[in-house]
Amino acid sequence: MRLSTNIVKDYLIVAFEGELDHHTTEEARMKIDSLYYDNNLSNMILDLRKLNFMDSSGIGLIMGRYRNCKERQGDISIVNTNPSVERILRMSGLLKIINMYSNIEEAIDGKRGE
């Protein structure tokens, strides 16, 4: 699994590629949290376009980042999901508490495309 990161405004943007599972979540968590806290950010966008598999460890990673953002009165959004990952997110209930957008620009603006 590979992570690409970028900071835009007060958003840490994290793009996942590959599989997010029990073999990869700890390293991903450490990298994401380090960038998030070291740069004193409050918002996060998770780009899941190139994520082709996620298990319960990945759900846990997303939930933990949700808590981190809420503790800082920030927000977390998910963008660019593929159908299989979106299905897992819906079944887990994450999309009841985390907004999903078509792209990063919509997530930053907080507006979904019509």
PDB file of N, CA and C in Angstrom:
ATOM      1  N   MET A   1       0.849  -1.168   0.000  1.00  0.00           N
ATOM      2  CA  MET A   1       0.000   0.000   0.000  1.00  0.00           C
ATOM      3  C   MET A   1       0.897   1.233   0.000  1.00  0.00           C
ATOM      4  N   ARG A   2       0.520   2.201  -0.815  1.00  0.00           N
ATOM      5  CA  ARG A   2       1.259   3.454  -0.884  1.00  0.00           C
ATOM      6  C   ARG A   2       0.350   4.606  -0.492  1.00  0.00           C
ATOM      7  N   LEU A   3       0.960   5.587   0.164  1.00  0.00           N
ATOM      8  CA  LEU A   3       0.255   6.811   0.541  1.00  0.00           C
ATOM      9  C   LEU A   3       0.919   7.991  -0.142  1.00  0.00           C
ATOM     10  N   SER A   4       0.105   8.881  -0.669  1.00  0.00           N
ATOM     11  CA  SER A   4       0.587  10.172  -1.158  1.00  0.00           C
ATOM     12  C   SER A   4      -0.120  11.226  -0.322  1.00  0.00           C
ATOM     13  N   THR A   5       0.615  12.235   0.091  1.00  0.00           N
ATOM     14  CA  THR A   5       0.016  13.260   0.942  1.00  0.00           C
ATOM     15  C   THR A   5       0.289  14.646   0.378  1.00  0.00           C
ATOM     16  N   ASN A   6      -0.599  15.557   0.731  1.00  0.00           N
ATOM     17  CA  ASN A   6      -0.484  16.945   0.317  1.00  0.00           C
ATOM     18  C   ASN A   6      -1.232  17.780   1.349  1.00  0.00           C
ATOM     19  N   ILE A   7      -0.802  19.005   1.533  1.00  0.00           N
ATOM     20  CA  ILE A   7      -1.503  19.917   2.433  1.00  0.00           C
ATOM     21  C   ILE A   7      -2.021  21.091   1.608  1.00  0.00           C
ATOM     22  N   VAL A   8      -3.332  21.311   1.663  1.00  0.00           N
ATOM     23  CA  VAL A   8      -3.980  22.420   0.974  1.00  0.00           C
ATOM     24  C   VAL A   8      -4.837  23.141   2.003  1.00  0.00           C
ATOM     25  N   LYS A   9      -4.568  24.434   2.173  1.00  0.00           N
ATOM     26  CA  LYS A   9      -5.251  25.215   3.205  1.00  0.00           C
ATOM     27  C   LYS A   9      -5.025  24.519   4.540  1.00  0.00           C
ATOM     28  N   ASP A  10      -6.089  24.181   5.244  1.00  0.00           N
ATOM     29  CA  ASP A  10      -5.966  23.499   6.535  1.00  0.00           C
ATOM     30  C   ASP A  10      -6.349  22.027   6.398  1.00  0.00           C
ATOM     31  N   TYR A  11      -6.117  21.444   5.235  1.00  0.00           N
ATOM     32  CA  TYR A  11      -6.499  20.058   4.956  1.00  0.00           C
ATOM     33  C   TYR A  11      -5.272  19.197   4.693  1.00  0.00           C
ATOM     34  N   LEU A  12      -5.207  18.082   5.382  1.00  0.00           N
ATOM     35  CA  LEU A  12      -4.258  17.039   5.009  1.00  0.00           C
ATOM     36  C   LEU A  12      -4.988  16.141   4.023  1.00  0.00           C
ATOM     37  N   ILE A  13      -4.469  16.045   2.819  1.00  0.00           N
ATOM     38  CA  ILE A  13      -5.066  15.193   1.794  1.00  0.00           C
ATOM     39  C   ILE A  13      -4.220  13.935   1.692  1.00  0.00           C
ATOM     40  N   VAL A  14      -4.863  12.793   1.887  1.00  0.00           N
ATOM     41  CA  VAL A  14      -4.171  11.507   1.866  1.00  0.00           C
ATOM     42  C   VAL A  14      -4.772  10.649   0.763  1.00  0.00           C
ATOM     43  N   ALA A  15      -3.947  10.264  -0.204  1.00  0.00           N
ATOM     44  CA  ALA A  15      -4.390   9.386  -1.287  1.00  0.00           C
ATOM     45  C   ALA A  15      -3.819   7.991  -1.040  1.00  0.00           C
ATOM     46  N   PHE A  16      -4.702   7.015  -0.987  1.00  0.00           N
ATOM     47  CA  PHE A  16      -4.320   5.623  -0.746  1.00  0.00           C
ATOM     48  C   PHE A  16      -4.228   4.885  -2.077  1.00  0.00           C
ATOM     49  N   GLU A  17      -3.268   3.970  -2.168  1.00  0.00           N
ATOM     50  CA  GLU A  17      -3.159   3.129  -3.361  1.00  0.00           C
ATOM     51  C   GLU A  17      -2.828   1.708  -2.923  1.00  0.00           C
ATOM     52  N   GLY A  18      -3.613   0.754  -3.384  1.00  0.00           N
ATOM     53  CA  GLY A  18      -3.369  -0.643  -3.044  1.00  0.00           C
ATOM     54  C   GLY A  18      -4.391  -1.170  -2.062  1.00  0.00           C
ATOM     55  N   GLU A  19      -3.898  -1.875  -1.036  1.00  0.00           N
ATOM     56  CA  GLU A  19      -4.770  -2.507  -0.050  1.00  0.00           C
ATOM     57  C   GLU A  19      -4.532  -1.922   1.334  1.00  0.00           C
ATOM     58  N   LEU A  20      -5.616  -1.606   2.017  1.00  0.00           N
ATOM     59  CA  LEU A  20      -5.558  -1.099   3.384  1.00  0.00           C
ATOM     60  C   LEU A  20      -6.098  -2.202   4.280  1.00  0.00           C
ATOM     61  N   ASP A  21      -5.168  -2.947   4.885  1.00  0.00           N
ATOM     62  CA  ASP A  21      -5.561  -4.090   5.704  1.00  0.00           C
ATOM     63  C   ASP A  21      -4.669  -4.174   6.938  1.00  0.00           C
ATOM     64  N   HIS A  22      -4.779  -5.266   7.679  1.00  0.00           N
ATOM     65  CA  HIS A  22      -4.043  -5.381   8.937  1.00  0.00           C
ATOM     66  C   HIS A  22      -2.532  -5.377   8.738  1.00  0.00           C
ATOM     67  N   HIS A  23      -2.059  -5.597   7.534  1.00  0.00           N
ATOM     68  CA  HIS A  23      -0.624  -5.551   7.262  1.00  0.00           C
ATOM     69  C   HIS A  23      -0.124  -4.125   7.036  1.00  0.00           C
ATOM     70  N   THR A  24      -1.004  -3.220   6.673  1.00  0.00           N
ATOM     71  CA  THR A  24      -0.577  -1.881   6.248  1.00  0.00           C
ATOM     72  C   THR A  24      -1.123  -0.730   7.093  1.00  0.00           C
ATOM     73  N   THR A  25      -2.102  -0.979   7.933  1.00  0.00           N
ATOM     74  CA  THR A  25      -2.762   0.142   8.621  1.00  0.00           C
ATOM     75  C   THR A  25      -1.870   0.839   9.640  1.00  0.00           C
ATOM     76  N   GLU A  26      -1.036   0.115  10.360  1.00  0.00           N
ATOM     77  CA  GLU A  26      -0.227   0.754  11.401  1.00  0.00           C
ATOM     78  C   GLU A  26       0.757   1.754  10.794  1.00  0.00           C
ATOM     79  N   GLU A  27       1.428   1.360   9.734  1.00  0.00           N
ATOM     80  CA  GLU A  27       2.356   2.278   9.072  1.00  0.00           C
ATOM     81  C   GLU A  27       1.609   3.488   8.508  1.00  0.00           C
ATOM     82  N   ALA A  28       0.446   3.263   7.918  1.00  0.00           N
ATOM     83  CA  ALA A  28      -0.363   4.360   7.385  1.00  0.00           C
ATOM     84  C   ALA A  28      -0.803   5.288   8.513  1.00  0.00           C
ATOM     85  N   ARG A  29      -1.253   4.722   9.620  1.00  0.00           N
ATOM     86  CA  ARG A  29      -1.700   5.534  10.760  1.00  0.00           C
ATOM     87  C   ARG A  29      -0.572   6.425  11.261  1.00  0.00           C
ATOM     88  N   MET A  30       0.616   5.850  11.407  1.00  0.00           N
ATOM     89  CA  MET A  30       1.747   6.627  11.923  1.00  0.00           C
ATOM     90  C   MET A  30       2.103   7.781  10.980  1.00  0.00           C
ATOM     91  N   LYS A  31       2.118   7.525   9.691  1.00  0.00           N
ATOM     92  CA  LYS A  31       2.461   8.576   8.726  1.00  0.00           C
ATOM     93  C   LYS A  31       1.396   9.675   8.706  1.00  0.00           C
ATOM     94  N   ILE A  32       0.129   9.276   8.669  1.00  0.00           N
ATOM     95  CA  ILE A  32      -0.965  10.252   8.632  1.00  0.00           C
ATOM     96  C   ILE A  32      -0.969  11.100   9.901  1.00  0.00           C
ATOM     97  N   ASP A  33      -0.898  10.457  11.060  1.00  0.00           N
ATOM     98  CA  ASP A  33      -0.948  11.199  12.321  1.00  0.00           C
ATOM     99  C   ASP A  33       0.242  12.134  12.475  1.00  0.00           C
ATOM    100  N   SER A  34       1.414  11.684  12.058  1.00  0.00           N
ATOM    101  CA  SER A  34       2.602  12.523  12.148  1.00  0.00           C
ATOM    102  C   SER A  34       2.421  13.806  11.334  1.00  0.00           C
ATOM    103  N   LEU A  35       1.994  13.681  10.099  1.00  0.00           N
ATOM    104  CA  LEU A  35       1.778  14.866   9.259  1.00  0.00           C
ATOM    105  C   LEU A  35       0.662  15.754   9.808  1.00  0.00           C
ATOM    106  N   TYR A  36      -0.401  15.123  10.276  1.00  0.00           N
ATOM    107  CA  TYR A  36      -1.561  15.856  10.787  1.00  0.00           C
ATOM    108  C   TYR A  36      -1.185  16.696  12.010  1.00  0.00           C
ATOM    109  N   TYR A  37      -0.528  16.079  12.971  1.00  0.00           N
ATOM    110  CA  TYR A  37      -0.193  16.792  14.206  1.00  0.00           C
ATOM    111  C   TYR A  37       1.018  17.708  14.040  1.00  0.00           C
ATOM    112  N   ASP A  38       2.038  17.273  13.302  1.00  0.00           N
ATOM    113  CA  ASP A  38       3.228  18.107  13.118  1.00  0.00           C
ATOM    114  C   ASP A  38       2.911  19.408  12.392  1.00  0.00           C
ATOM    115  N   ASN A  39       1.897  19.389  11.531  1.00  0.00           N
ATOM    116  CA  ASN A  39       1.510  20.587  10.787  1.00  0.00           C
ATOM    117  C   ASN A  39       0.325  21.314  11.413  1.00  0.00           C
ATOM    118  N   ASN A  40      -0.097  20.856  12.596  1.00  0.00           N
ATOM    119  CA  ASN A  40      -1.171  21.496  13.361  1.00  0.00           C
ATOM    120  C   ASN A  40      -2.432  21.718  12.515  1.00  0.00           C
ATOM    121  N   LEU A  41      -2.860  20.653  11.840  1.00  0.00           N
ATOM    122  CA  LEU A  41      -4.032  20.723  10.972  1.00  0.00           C
ATOM    123  C   LEU A  41      -5.287  20.323  11.735  1.00  0.00           C
ATOM    124  N   SER A  42      -6.449  20.641  11.176  1.00  0.00           N
ATOM    125  CA  SER A  42      -7.699  20.218  11.811  1.00  0.00           C
ATOM    126  C   SER A  42      -8.609  19.453  10.859  1.00  0.00           C
ATOM    127  N   ASN A  43      -8.318  19.472   9.563  1.00  0.00           N
ATOM    128  CA  ASN A  43      -9.177  18.815   8.577  1.00  0.00           C
ATOM    129  C   ASN A  43      -8.396  17.789   7.762  1.00  0.00           C
ATOM    130  N   MET A  44      -9.140  16.811   7.246  1.00  0.00           N
ATOM    131  CA  MET A  44      -8.504  15.749   6.481  1.00  0.00           C
ATOM    132  C   MET A  44      -9.431  15.294   5.356  1.00  0.00           C
ATOM    133  N   ILE A  45      -8.828  14.970   4.218  1.00  0.00           N
ATOM    134  CA  ILE A  45      -9.550  14.392   3.086  1.00  0.00           C
ATOM    135  C   ILE A  45      -8.855  13.092   2.721  1.00  0.00           C
ATOM    136  N   LEU A  46      -9.630  12.018   2.662  1.00  0.00           N
ATOM    137  CA  LEU A  46      -9.094  10.706   2.293  1.00  0.00           C
ATOM    138  C   LEU A  46      -9.529  10.389   0.868  1.00  0.00           C
ATOM    139  N   ASP A  47      -8.566  10.301  -0.031  1.00  0.00           N
ATOM    140  CA  ASP A  47      -8.825  10.003  -1.441  1.00  0.00           C
ATOM    141  C   ASP A  47      -8.655   8.499  -1.640  1.00  0.00           C
ATOM    142  N   LEU A  48      -9.760   7.811  -1.897  1.00  0.00           N
ATOM    143  CA  LEU A  48      -9.754   6.347  -1.970  1.00  0.00           C
ATOM    144  C   LEU A  48      -9.880   5.819  -3.398  1.00  0.00           C
ATOM    145  N   ARG A  49      -9.648   6.654  -4.376  1.00  0.00           N
ATOM    146  CA  ARG A  49      -9.809   6.260  -5.783  1.00  0.00           C
ATOM    147  C   ARG A  49      -8.970   5.039  -6.153  1.00  0.00           C
ATOM    148  N   LYS A  50      -7.733   4.956  -5.670  1.00  0.00           N
ATOM    149  CA  LYS A  50      -6.846   3.853  -6.045  1.00  0.00           C
ATOM    150  C   LYS A  50      -6.746   2.782  -4.964  1.00  0.00           C
ATOM    151  N   LEU A  51      -7.639   2.852  -3.984  1.00  0.00           N
ATOM    152  CA  LEU A  51      -7.691   1.813  -2.954  1.00  0.00           C
ATOM    153  C   LEU A  51      -8.554   0.679  -3.480  1.00  0.00           C
ATOM    154  N   ASN A  52      -7.967  -0.503  -3.632  1.00  0.00           N
ATOM    155  CA  ASN A  52      -8.751  -1.597  -4.218  1.00  0.00           C
ATOM    156  C   ASN A  52      -9.229  -2.619  -3.204  1.00  0.00           C
ATOM    157  N   PHE A  53      -8.817  -2.502  -1.940  1.00  0.00           N
ATOM    158  CA  PHE A  53      -9.310  -3.409  -0.901  1.00  0.00           C
ATOM    159  C   PHE A  53      -9.146  -2.741   0.452  1.00  0.00           C
ATOM    160  N   MET A  54     -10.124  -2.981   1.330  1.00  0.00           N
ATOM    161  CA  MET A  54     -10.044  -2.486   2.700  1.00  0.00           C
ATOM    162  C   MET A  54     -10.752  -3.474   3.605  1.00  0.00           C
ATOM    163  N   ASP A  55     -10.115  -3.826   4.732  1.00  0.00           N
ATOM    164  CA  ASP A  55     -10.769  -4.700   5.702  1.00  0.00           C
ATOM    165  C   ASP A  55     -11.117  -3.890   6.952  1.00  0.00           C
ATOM    166  N   SER A  56     -11.466  -4.571   8.020  1.00  0.00           N
ATOM    167  CA  SER A  56     -11.893  -3.883   9.244  1.00  0.00           C
ATOM    168  C   SER A  56     -10.781  -3.026   9.841  1.00  0.00           C
ATOM    169  N   SER A  57      -9.532  -3.367   9.593  1.00  0.00           N
ATOM    170  CA  SER A  57      -8.426  -2.529  10.066  1.00  0.00           C
ATOM    171  C   SER A  57      -8.463  -1.163   9.389  1.00  0.00           C
ATOM    172  N   GLY A  58      -8.803  -1.148   8.109  1.00  0.00           N
ATOM    173  CA  GLY A  58      -8.936   0.111   7.385  1.00  0.00           C
ATOM    174  C   GLY A  58     -10.085   0.948   7.911  1.00  0.00           C
ATOM    175  N   ILE A  59     -11.183   0.293   8.250  1.00  0.00           N
ATOM    176  CA  ILE A  59     -12.321   0.999   8.851  1.00  0.00           C
ATOM    177  C   ILE A  59     -11.888   1.618  10.177  1.00  0.00           C
ATOM    178  N   GLY A  60     -11.134   0.861  10.958  1.00  0.00           N
ATOM    179  CA  GLY A  60     -10.621   1.379  12.224  1.00  0.00           C
ATOM    180  C   GLY A  60      -9.701   2.571  12.026  1.00  0.00           C
ATOM    181  N   LEU A  61      -8.862   2.520  11.001  1.00  0.00           N
ATOM    182  CA  LEU A  61      -7.970   3.634  10.706  1.00  0.00           C
ATOM    183  C   LEU A  61      -8.786   4.887  10.382  1.00  0.00           C
ATOM    184  N   ILE A  62      -9.802   4.745   9.564  1.00  0.00           N
ATOM    185  CA  ILE A  62     -10.641   5.896   9.206  1.00  0.00           C
ATOM    186  C   ILE A  62     -11.372   6.427  10.438  1.00  0.00           C
ATOM    187  N   MET A  63     -11.904   5.542  11.274  1.00  0.00           N
ATOM    188  CA  MET A  63     -12.602   5.978  12.502  1.00  0.00           C
ATOM    189  C   MET A  63     -11.668   6.754  13.419  1.00  0.00           C
ATOM    190  N   GLY A  64     -10.445   6.284  13.558  1.00  0.00           N
ATOM    191  CA  GLY A  64      -9.474   6.987  14.401  1.00  0.00           C
ATOM    192  C   GLY A  64      -9.160   8.376  13.875  1.00  0.00           C
ATOM    193  N   ARG A  65      -9.038   8.524  12.556  1.00  0.00           N
ATOM    194  CA  ARG A  65      -8.767   9.843  11.971  1.00  0.00           C
ATOM    195  C   ARG A  65      -9.997  10.740  12.120  1.00  0.00           C
ATOM    196  N   TYR A  66     -11.192  10.151  12.061  1.00  0.00           N
ATOM    197  CA  TYR A  66     -12.430  10.899  12.318  1.00  0.00           C
ATOM    198  C   TYR A  66     -12.382  11.493  13.734  1.00  0.00           C
ATOM    199  N   ARG A  67     -12.016  10.674  14.702  1.00  0.00           N
ATOM    200  CA  ARG A  67     -11.931  11.159  16.091  1.00  0.00           C
ATOM    201  C   ARG A  67     -10.886  12.268  16.224  1.00  0.00           C
ATOM    202  N   ASN A  68      -9.729  12.083  15.582  1.00  0.00           N
ATOM    203  CA  ASN A  68      -8.682  13.110  15.648  1.00  0.00           C
ATOM    204  C   ASN A  68      -9.194  14.448  15.126  1.00  0.00           C
ATOM    205  N   CYS A  69      -9.890  14.421  14.001  1.00  0.00           N
ATOM    206  CA  CYS A  69     -10.415  15.662  13.418  1.00  0.00           C
ATOM    207  C   CYS A  69     -11.470  16.289  14.322  1.00  0.00           C
ATOM    208  N   LYS A  70     -12.356  15.488  14.875  1.00  0.00           N
ATOM    209  CA  LYS A  70     -13.414  16.018  15.738  1.00  0.00           C
ATOM    210  C   LYS A  70     -12.828  16.619  17.010  1.00  0.00           C
ATOM    211  N   GLU A  71     -11.756  16.020  17.546  1.00  0.00           N
ATOM    212  CA  GLU A  71     -11.109  16.574  18.742  1.00  0.00           C
ATOM    213  C   GLU A  71     -10.561  17.972  18.483  1.00  0.00           C
ATOM    214  N   ARG A  72     -10.232  18.272  17.254  1.00  0.00           N
ATOM    215  CA  ARG A  72      -9.705  19.586  16.878  1.00  0.00           C
ATOM    216  C   ARG A  72     -10.773  20.461  16.234  1.00  0.00           C
ATOM    217  N   GLN A  73     -12.043  20.099  16.413  1.00  0.00           N
ATOM    218  CA  GLN A  73     -13.170  20.811  15.811  1.00  0.00           C
ATOM    219  C   GLN A  73     -13.019  20.916  14.291  1.00  0.00           C
ATOM    220  N   GLY A  74     -12.428  19.897  13.697  1.00  0.00           N
ATOM    221  CA  GLY A  74     -12.244  19.862  12.252  1.00  0.00           C
ATOM    222  C   GLY A  74     -13.195  18.885  11.600  1.00  0.00           C
ATOM    223  N   ASP A  75     -12.904  18.583  10.355  1.00  0.00           N
ATOM    224  CA  ASP A  75     -13.774  17.720   9.573  1.00  0.00           C
ATOM    225  C   ASP A  75     -12.930  16.742   8.770  1.00  0.00           C
ATOM    226  N   ILE A  76     -13.520  15.612   8.458  1.00  0.00           N
ATOM    227  CA  ILE A  76     -12.888  14.620   7.604  1.00  0.00           C
ATOM    228  C   ILE A  76     -13.874  14.263   6.501  1.00  0.00           C
ATOM    229  N   SER A  77     -13.349  14.101   5.298  1.00  0.00           N
ATOM    230  CA  SER A  77     -14.179  13.750   4.146  1.00  0.00           C
ATOM    231  C   SER A  77     -13.520  12.618   3.377  1.00  0.00           C
ATOM    232  N   ILE A  78     -14.338  11.891   2.648  1.00  0.00           N
ATOM    233  CA  ILE A  78     -13.863  10.822   1.780  1.00  0.00           C
ATOM    234  C   ILE A  78     -14.199  11.217   0.352  1.00  0.00           C
ATOM    235  N   VAL A  79     -13.251  11.012  -0.567  1.00  0.00           N
ATOM    236  CA  VAL A  79     -13.493  11.324  -1.980  1.00  0.00           C
ATOM    237  C   VAL A  79     -13.068  10.163  -2.865  1.00  0.00           C
ATOM    238  N   ASN A  80     -13.652  10.143  -4.052  1.00  0.00           N
ATOM    239  CA  ASN A  80     -13.216   9.247  -5.129  1.00  0.00           C
ATOM    240  C   ASN A  80     -13.236   7.764  -4.775  1.00  0.00           C
ATOM    241  N   THR A  81     -14.292   7.285  -4.194  1.00  0.00           N
ATOM    242  CA  THR A  81     -14.327   5.857  -3.865  1.00  0.00           C
ATOM    243  C   THR A  81     -14.637   5.027  -5.100  1.00  0.00           C
ATOM    244  N   ASN A  82     -14.160   3.796  -5.078  1.00  0.00           N
ATOM    245  CA  ASN A  82     -14.577   2.853  -6.112  1.00  0.00           C
ATOM    246  C   ASN A  82     -15.749   2.056  -5.544  1.00  0.00           C
ATOM    247  N   PRO A  83     -16.522   1.366  -6.369  1.00  0.00           N
ATOM    248  CA  PRO A  83     -17.744   0.701  -5.887  1.00  0.00           C
ATOM    249  C   PRO A  83     -17.524  -0.316  -4.764  1.00  0.00           C
ATOM    250  N   SER A  84     -16.463  -1.101  -4.814  1.00  0.00           N
ATOM    251  CA  SER A  84     -16.273  -2.118  -3.771  1.00  0.00           C
ATOM    252  C   SER A  84     -15.918  -1.487  -2.429  1.00  0.00           C
ATOM    253  N   VAL A  85     -15.084  -0.456  -2.446  1.00  0.00           N
ATOM    254  CA  VAL A  85     -14.728   0.227  -1.197  1.00  0.00           C
ATOM    255  C   VAL A  85     -15.925   1.016  -0.670  1.00  0.00           C
ATOM    256  N   GLU A  86     -16.675   1.652  -1.550  1.00  0.00           N
ATOM    257  CA  GLU A  86     -17.864   2.386  -1.113  1.00  0.00           C
ATOM    258  C   GLU A  86     -18.863   1.450  -0.437  1.00  0.00           C
ATOM    259  N   ARG A  87     -19.000   0.264  -0.951  1.00  0.00           N
ATOM    260  CA  ARG A  87     -19.907  -0.725  -0.349  1.00  0.00           C
ATOM    261  C   ARG A  87     -19.484  -1.046   1.088  1.00  0.00           C
ATOM    262  N   ILE A  88     -18.195  -1.239   1.306  1.00  0.00           N
ATOM    263  CA  ILE A  88     -17.678  -1.512   2.651  1.00  0.00           C
ATOM    264  C   ILE A  88     -17.935  -0.319   3.567  1.00  0.00           C
ATOM    265  N   LEU A  89     -17.708   0.885   3.066  1.00  0.00           N
ATOM    266  CA  LEU A  89     -17.944   2.093   3.866  1.00  0.00           C
ATOM    267  C   LEU A  89     -19.414   2.222   4.254  1.00  0.00           C
ATOM    268  N   ARG A  90     -20.305   1.925   3.328  1.00  0.00           N
ATOM    269  CA  ARG A  90     -21.746   1.991   3.627  1.00  0.00           C
ATOM    270  C   ARG A  90     -22.147   0.923   4.641  1.00  0.00           C
ATOM    271  N   MET A  91     -21.678  -0.307   4.430  1.00  0.00           N
ATOM    272  CA  MET A  91     -22.025  -1.399   5.349  1.00  0.00           C
ATOM    273  C   MET A  91     -21.504  -1.139   6.759  1.00  0.00           C
ATOM    274  N   SER A  92     -20.363  -0.487   6.876  1.00  0.00           N
ATOM    275  CA  SER A  92     -19.778  -0.214   8.187  1.00  0.00           C
ATOM    276  C   SER A  92     -20.481   0.931   8.905  1.00  0.00           C
ATOM    277  N   GLY A  93     -21.239   1.734   8.168  1.00  0.00           N
ATOM    278  CA  GLY A  93     -21.900   2.893   8.764  1.00  0.00           C
ATOM    279  C   GLY A  93     -21.054   4.153   8.751  1.00  0.00           C
ATOM    280  N   LEU A  94     -19.831   4.083   8.236  1.00  0.00           N
ATOM    281  CA  LEU A  94     -18.969   5.267   8.227  1.00  0.00           C
ATOM    282  C   LEU A  94     -19.565   6.427   7.439  1.00  0.00           C
ATOM    283  N   LEU A  95     -20.284   6.122   6.381  1.00  0.00           N
ATOM    284  CA  LEU A  95     -20.834   7.204   5.559  1.00  0.00           C
ATOM    285  C   LEU A  95     -22.036   7.882   6.207  1.00  0.00           C
ATOM    286  N   LYS A  96     -22.448   7.394   7.376  1.00  0.00           N
ATOM    287  CA  LYS A  96     -23.479   8.097   8.144  1.00  0.00           C
ATOM    288  C   LYS A  96     -22.873   9.245   8.945  1.00  0.00           C
ATOM    289  N   ILE A  97     -21.562   9.174   9.199  1.00  0.00           N
ATOM    290  CA  ILE A  97     -20.906  10.214  10.001  1.00  0.00           C
ATOM    291  C   ILE A  97     -19.834  10.978   9.227  1.00  0.00           C
ATOM    292  N   ILE A  98     -19.410  10.446   8.084  1.00  0.00           N
ATOM    293  CA  ILE A  98     -18.375  11.089   7.271  1.00  0.00           C
ATOM    294  C   ILE A  98     -18.959  11.384   5.891  1.00  0.00           C
ATOM    295  N   ASN A  99     -18.814  12.622   5.448  1.00  0.00           N
ATOM    296  CA  ASN A  99     -19.321  13.007   4.130  1.00  0.00           C
ATOM    297  C   ASN A  99     -18.435  12.462   3.022  1.00  0.00           C
ATOM    298  N   MET A 100     -19.076  12.082   1.930  1.00  0.00           N
ATOM    299  CA  MET A 100     -18.362  11.591   0.763  1.00  0.00           C
ATOM    300  C   MET A 100     -18.610  12.548  -0.399  1.00  0.00           C
ATOM    301  N   TYR A 101     -17.542  12.866  -1.123  1.00  0.00           N
ATOM    302  CA  TYR A 101     -17.606  13.796  -2.246  1.00  0.00           C
ATOM    303  C   TYR A 101     -17.004  13.151  -3.488  1.00  0.00           C
ATOM    304  N   SER A 102     -17.312  13.729  -4.639  1.00  0.00           N
ATOM    305  CA  SER A 102     -16.798  13.215  -5.912  1.00  0.00           C
ATOM    306  C   SER A 102     -15.326  13.536  -6.118  1.00  0.00           C
ATOM    307  N   ASN A 103     -14.884  14.681  -5.572  1.00  0.00           N
ATOM    308  CA  ASN A 103     -13.491  15.076  -5.770  1.00  0.00           C
ATOM    309  C   ASN A 103     -13.018  15.970  -4.627  1.00  0.00           C
ATOM    310  N   ILE A 104     -11.741  16.258  -4.639  1.00  0.00           N
ATOM    311  CA  ILE A 104     -11.118  17.019  -3.557  1.00  0.00           C
ATOM    312  C   ILE A 104     -11.667  18.443  -3.491  1.00  0.00           C
ATOM    313  N   GLU A 105     -11.870  19.072  -4.629  1.00  0.00           N
ATOM    314  CA  GLU A 105     -12.372  20.450  -4.644  1.00  0.00           C
ATOM    315  C   GLU A 105     -13.739  20.545  -3.973  1.00  0.00           C
ATOM    316  N   GLU A 106     -14.621  19.599  -4.270  1.00  0.00           N
ATOM    317  CA  GLU A 106     -15.943  19.590  -3.625  1.00  0.00           C
ATOM    318  C   GLU A 106     -15.809  19.401  -2.122  1.00  0.00           C
ATOM    319  N   ALA A 107     -14.890  18.551  -1.702  1.00  0.00           N
ATOM    320  CA  ALA A 107     -14.705  18.308  -0.268  1.00  0.00           C
ATOM    321  C   ALA A 107     -14.211  19.564   0.439  1.00  0.00           C
ATOM    322  N   ILE A 108     -13.279  20.278  -0.166  1.00  0.00           N
ATOM    323  CA  ILE A 108     -12.773  21.512   0.440  1.00  0.00           C
ATOM    324  C   ILE A 108     -13.881  22.559   0.512  1.00  0.00           C
ATOM    325  N   ASP A 109     -14.680  22.660  -0.538  1.00  0.00           N
ATOM    326  CA  ASP A 109     -15.791  23.619  -0.557  1.00  0.00           C
ATOM    327  C   ASP A 109     -16.967  23.159   0.299  1.00  0.00           C
ATOM    328  N   GLY A 110     -17.008  21.868   0.634  1.00  0.00           N
ATOM    329  CA  GLY A 110     -18.112  21.330   1.417  1.00  0.00           C
ATOM    330  C   GLY A 110     -19.403  21.224   0.644  1.00  0.00           C
ATOM    331  N   LYS A 111     -19.292  21.141  -0.681  1.00  0.00           N
ATOM    332  CA  LYS A 111     -20.488  21.076  -1.522  1.00  0.00           C
ATOM    333  C   LYS A 111     -20.405  19.865  -2.430  1.00  0.00           C
ATOM    334  N   ARG A 112     -21.461  19.109  -2.466  1.00  0.00           N
ATOM    335  CA  ARG A 112     -21.534  17.953  -3.356  1.00  0.00           C
ATOM    336  C   ARG A 112     -22.015  18.392  -4.725  1.00  0.00           C
ATOM    337  N   GLY A 113     -21.479  17.747  -5.756  1.00  0.00           N
ATOM    338  CA  GLY A 113     -21.920  18.028  -7.123  1.00  0.00           C
ATOM    339  C   GLY A 113     -23.345  17.560  -7.327  1.00  0.00           C
ATOM    340  N   GLU A 114     -24.061  18.250  -8.150  1.00  0.00           N
ATOM    341  CA  GLU A 114     -25.462  17.887  -8.428  1.00  0.00           C
ATOM    342  C   GLU A 114     -25.526  16.943  -9.595  1.00  0.00           C
TER     343      GLU A 114
END
